[in-house]
C-alpha atoms as a PDB file:
ATOM      1  CA  MET A   1      15.062   9.893  -8.886  1.00  0.00           C
ATOM      2  CA  THR A   2      12.748  12.100  -6.849  1.00  0.00           C
ATOM      3  CA  ARG A   3       9.108  12.675  -7.611  1.00  0.00           C
ATOM      4  CA  ALA A   4       8.023  16.316  -7.739  1.00  0.00           C
ATOM      5  CA  SER A   5       4.419  15.515  -6.854  1.00  0.00           C
ATOM      6  CA  PRO A   6       2.494  12.539  -5.507  1.00  0.00           C
ATOM      7  CA  LEU A   7       1.408   9.978  -8.055  1.00  0.00           C
ATOM      8  CA  GLU A   8      -2.318  10.072  -8.695  1.00  0.00           C
ATOM      9  CA  LEU A   9      -3.886   6.698  -9.466  1.00  0.00           C
ATOM     10  CA  ASP A  10      -7.491   5.950 -10.271  1.00  0.00           C
ATOM     11  CA  ALA A  11      -9.302   4.421  -7.298  1.00  0.00           C
ATOM     12  CA  PHE A  12     -10.408   1.489  -9.452  1.00  0.00           C
ATOM     13  CA  TYR A  13      -8.487   0.169 -12.432  1.00  0.00           C
ATOM     14  CA  PRO A  14      -8.326  -2.986 -14.564  1.00  0.00           C
ATOM     15  CA  ILE A  15      -5.830  -5.713 -13.762  1.00  0.00           C
ATOM     16  CA  VAL A  16      -4.741  -7.422 -16.965  1.00  0.00           C
ATOM     17  CA  PRO A  17      -2.874 -10.694 -17.612  1.00  0.00           C
ATOM     18  CA  ASP A  18      -0.666  -9.638 -20.537  1.00  0.00           C
ATOM     19  CA  ALA A  19       0.288  -6.997 -23.101  1.00  0.00           C
ATOM     20  CA  SER A  20      -2.527  -8.006 -25.456  1.00  0.00           C
ATOM     21  CA  TRP A  21      -5.011  -6.777 -22.843  1.00  0.00           C
ATOM     22  CA  VAL A  22      -3.104  -3.527 -22.437  1.00  0.00           C
ATOM     23  CA  ALA A  23      -3.462  -3.099 -26.216  1.00  0.00           C
ATOM     24  CA  ARG A  24      -7.211  -3.796 -26.028  1.00  0.00           C
ATOM     25  CA  LEU A  25      -7.930  -1.370 -23.204  1.00  0.00           C
ATOM     26  CA  ALA A  26      -5.491   1.437 -24.004  1.00  0.00           C
ATOM     27  CA  PRO A  27      -7.571   3.010 -26.812  1.00  0.00           C
ATOM     28  CA  LEU A  28     -10.629   3.089 -24.543  1.00  0.00           C
ATOM     29  CA  GLY A  29      -9.256   5.890 -22.380  1.00  0.00           C
ATOM     30  CA  VAL A  30      -8.220   4.032 -19.237  1.00  0.00           C
ATOM     31  CA  ARG A  31      -5.679   6.000 -17.223  1.00  0.00           C
ATOM     32  CA  THR A  32      -4.348   3.255 -14.934  1.00  0.00           C
ATOM     33  CA  LEU A  33      -3.740  -0.467 -15.511  1.00  0.00           C
ATOM     34  CA  GLN A  34      -2.005  -3.171 -13.530  1.00  0.00           C
ATOM     35  CA  LEU A  35      -0.083  -5.857 -15.401  1.00  0.00           C
ATOM     36  CA  ARG A  36      -0.339  -9.155 -13.540  1.00  0.00           C
ATOM     37  CA  PHE A  37       1.674 -11.361 -15.864  1.00  0.00           C
ATOM     38  CA  LYS A  38       2.475 -14.778 -14.425  1.00  0.00           C
ATOM     39  CA  SER A  39       5.375 -16.798 -15.802  1.00  0.00           C
ATOM     40  CA  ASP A  40       8.555 -18.374 -14.528  1.00  0.00           C
ATOM     41  CA  ASN A  41      10.313 -17.561 -17.797  1.00  0.00           C
ATOM     42  CA  ASP A  42      12.469 -14.494 -17.193  1.00  0.00           C
ATOM     43  CA  THR A  43      12.764 -13.569 -20.870  1.00  0.00           C
ATOM     44  CA  THR A  44       9.023 -13.828 -21.445  1.00  0.00           C
ATOM     45  CA  CYS A  45       8.309 -11.680 -18.368  1.00  0.00           C
ATOM     46  CA  ARG A  46      10.711  -9.013 -19.553  1.00  0.00           C
ATOM     47  CA  GLN A  47       9.157  -9.014 -23.053  1.00  0.00           C
ATOM     48  CA  GLU A  48       5.583  -8.719 -21.728  1.00  0.00           C
ATOM     49  CA  ILE A  49       6.510  -5.912 -19.362  1.00  0.00           C
ATOM     50  CA  ALA A  50       8.464  -4.035 -22.048  1.00  0.00           C
ATOM     51  CA  ALA A  51       5.597  -4.343 -24.553  1.00  0.00           C
ATOM     52  CA  SER A  52       3.067  -3.249 -21.930  1.00  0.00           C
ATOM     53  CA  LEU A  53       5.171  -0.240 -20.915  1.00  0.00           C
ATOM     54  CA  THR A  54       5.504   0.817 -24.549  1.00  0.00           C
ATOM     55  CA  LEU A  55       1.741   0.623 -25.088  1.00  0.00           C
ATOM     56  CA  ALA A  56       1.058   2.434 -21.819  1.00  0.00           C
ATOM     57  CA  GLY A  57       3.466   5.194 -22.792  1.00  0.00           C
ATOM     58  CA  LEU A  58       1.792   5.677 -26.171  1.00  0.00           C
ATOM     59  CA  HIS A  59      -1.582   6.118 -24.465  1.00  0.00           C
ATOM     60  CA  ASN A  60      -0.448   8.067 -21.378  1.00  0.00           C
ATOM     61  CA  ILE A  61      -1.471   5.237 -19.041  1.00  0.00           C
ATOM     62  CA  THR A  62       0.068   4.673 -15.635  1.00  0.00           C
ATOM     63  CA  LEU A  63       1.083   1.010 -15.681  1.00  0.00           C
ATOM     64  CA  ILE A  64       1.581  -0.824 -12.402  1.00  0.00           C
ATOM     65  CA  ILE A  65       3.787  -3.904 -12.661  1.00  0.00           C
ATOM     66  CA  ASN A  66       2.697  -6.725 -10.361  1.00  0.00           C
ATOM     67  CA  ASP A  67       5.442  -8.697  -8.578  1.00  0.00           C
ATOM     68  CA  HIS A  68       8.288  -8.337 -11.102  1.00  0.00           C
ATOM     69  CA  TRP A  69      10.000  -5.436  -9.372  1.00  0.00           C
ATOM     70  CA  GLN A  70      13.463  -6.166 -10.827  1.00  0.00           C
ATOM     71  CA  HIS A  71      12.140  -5.916 -14.388  1.00  0.00           C
ATOM     72  CA  ALA A  72      10.081  -2.869 -13.430  1.00  0.00           C
ATOM     73  CA  ILE A  73      13.270  -1.087 -12.341  1.00  0.00           C
ATOM     74  CA  GLU A  74      15.288  -2.319 -15.315  1.00  0.00           C
ATOM     75  CA  LEU A  75      12.659  -1.329 -17.892  1.00  0.00           C
ATOM     76  CA  GLY A  76      11.805   2.079 -16.431  1.00  0.00           C
ATOM     77  CA  ALA A  77       8.375   1.461 -14.943  1.00  0.00           C
ATOM     78  CA  THR A  78       7.014   4.042 -12.522  1.00  0.00           C
ATOM     79  CA  CYS A  79       4.859   1.796 -10.319  1.00  0.00           C
ATOM     80  CA  VAL A  80       5.023  -1.669  -8.836  1.00  0.00           C
ATOM     81  CA  HIS A  81       2.584  -3.722  -6.769  1.00  0.00           C
ATOM     82  CA  LEU A  82       3.998  -6.177  -4.248  1.00  0.00           C
ATOM     83  CA  GLY A  83       1.953  -8.450  -2.024  1.00  0.00           C
ATOM     84  CA  GLN A  84       2.975  -9.381   1.503  1.00  0.00           C
ATOM     85  CA  ASP A  85       4.832 -12.516   0.390  1.00  0.00           C
ATOM     86  CA  ASP A  86       6.670 -10.592  -2.329  1.00  0.00           C
ATOM     87  CA  LEU A  87       7.826  -7.968   0.154  1.00  0.00           C
ATOM     88  CA  ARG A  88       9.662 -10.629   2.144  1.00  0.00           C
ATOM     89  CA  SER A  89      12.017 -11.377  -0.750  1.00  0.00           C
ATOM     90  CA  ALA A  90      12.175  -7.909  -2.359  1.00  0.00           C
ATOM     91  CA  ASP A  91      15.227  -5.674  -2.065  1.00  0.00           C
ATOM     92  CA  ILE A  92      13.570  -2.717  -0.345  1.00  0.00           C
ATOM     93  CA  ALA A  93      16.669  -0.510  -0.604  1.00  0.00           C
ATOM     94  CA  SER A  94      16.758  -1.010  -4.387  1.00  0.00           C
ATOM     95  CA  LEU A  95      13.048  -0.283  -4.644  1.00  0.00           C
ATOM     96  CA  LYS A  96      13.393   2.940  -2.654  1.00  0.00           C
ATOM     97  CA  SER A  97      16.425   4.163  -4.581  1.00  0.00           C
ATOM     98  CA  SER A  98      14.775   3.376  -7.931  1.00  0.00           C
ATOM     99  CA  GLY A  99      11.991   5.888  -7.377  1.00  0.00           C
ATOM    100  CA  LEU A 100       9.253   3.353  -8.056  1.00  0.00           C
ATOM    101  CA  ALA A 101       5.901   4.168  -6.541  1.00  0.00           C
END
């Protein structure tokens, strides 16, 4: 997947802990959100990310998935945020080929 133009993100955007916060902020007109959901339960992570992506899509919000890059790829996210420690264990080739920003 190749992007036709650079992704434009707001300089400042809310970072939210779960899909319920995406639902709260989406109707307010935010254009960018970061989902920073923390759980060791794989199924729960996937459900929160999927729900958040659905809400973001309904409100034309760019959703950045924090840390969970595998689920971001699997569920069709467009953006992921990885910290320095996360980059050490991430599959960079998969990230590049996925088209994630």
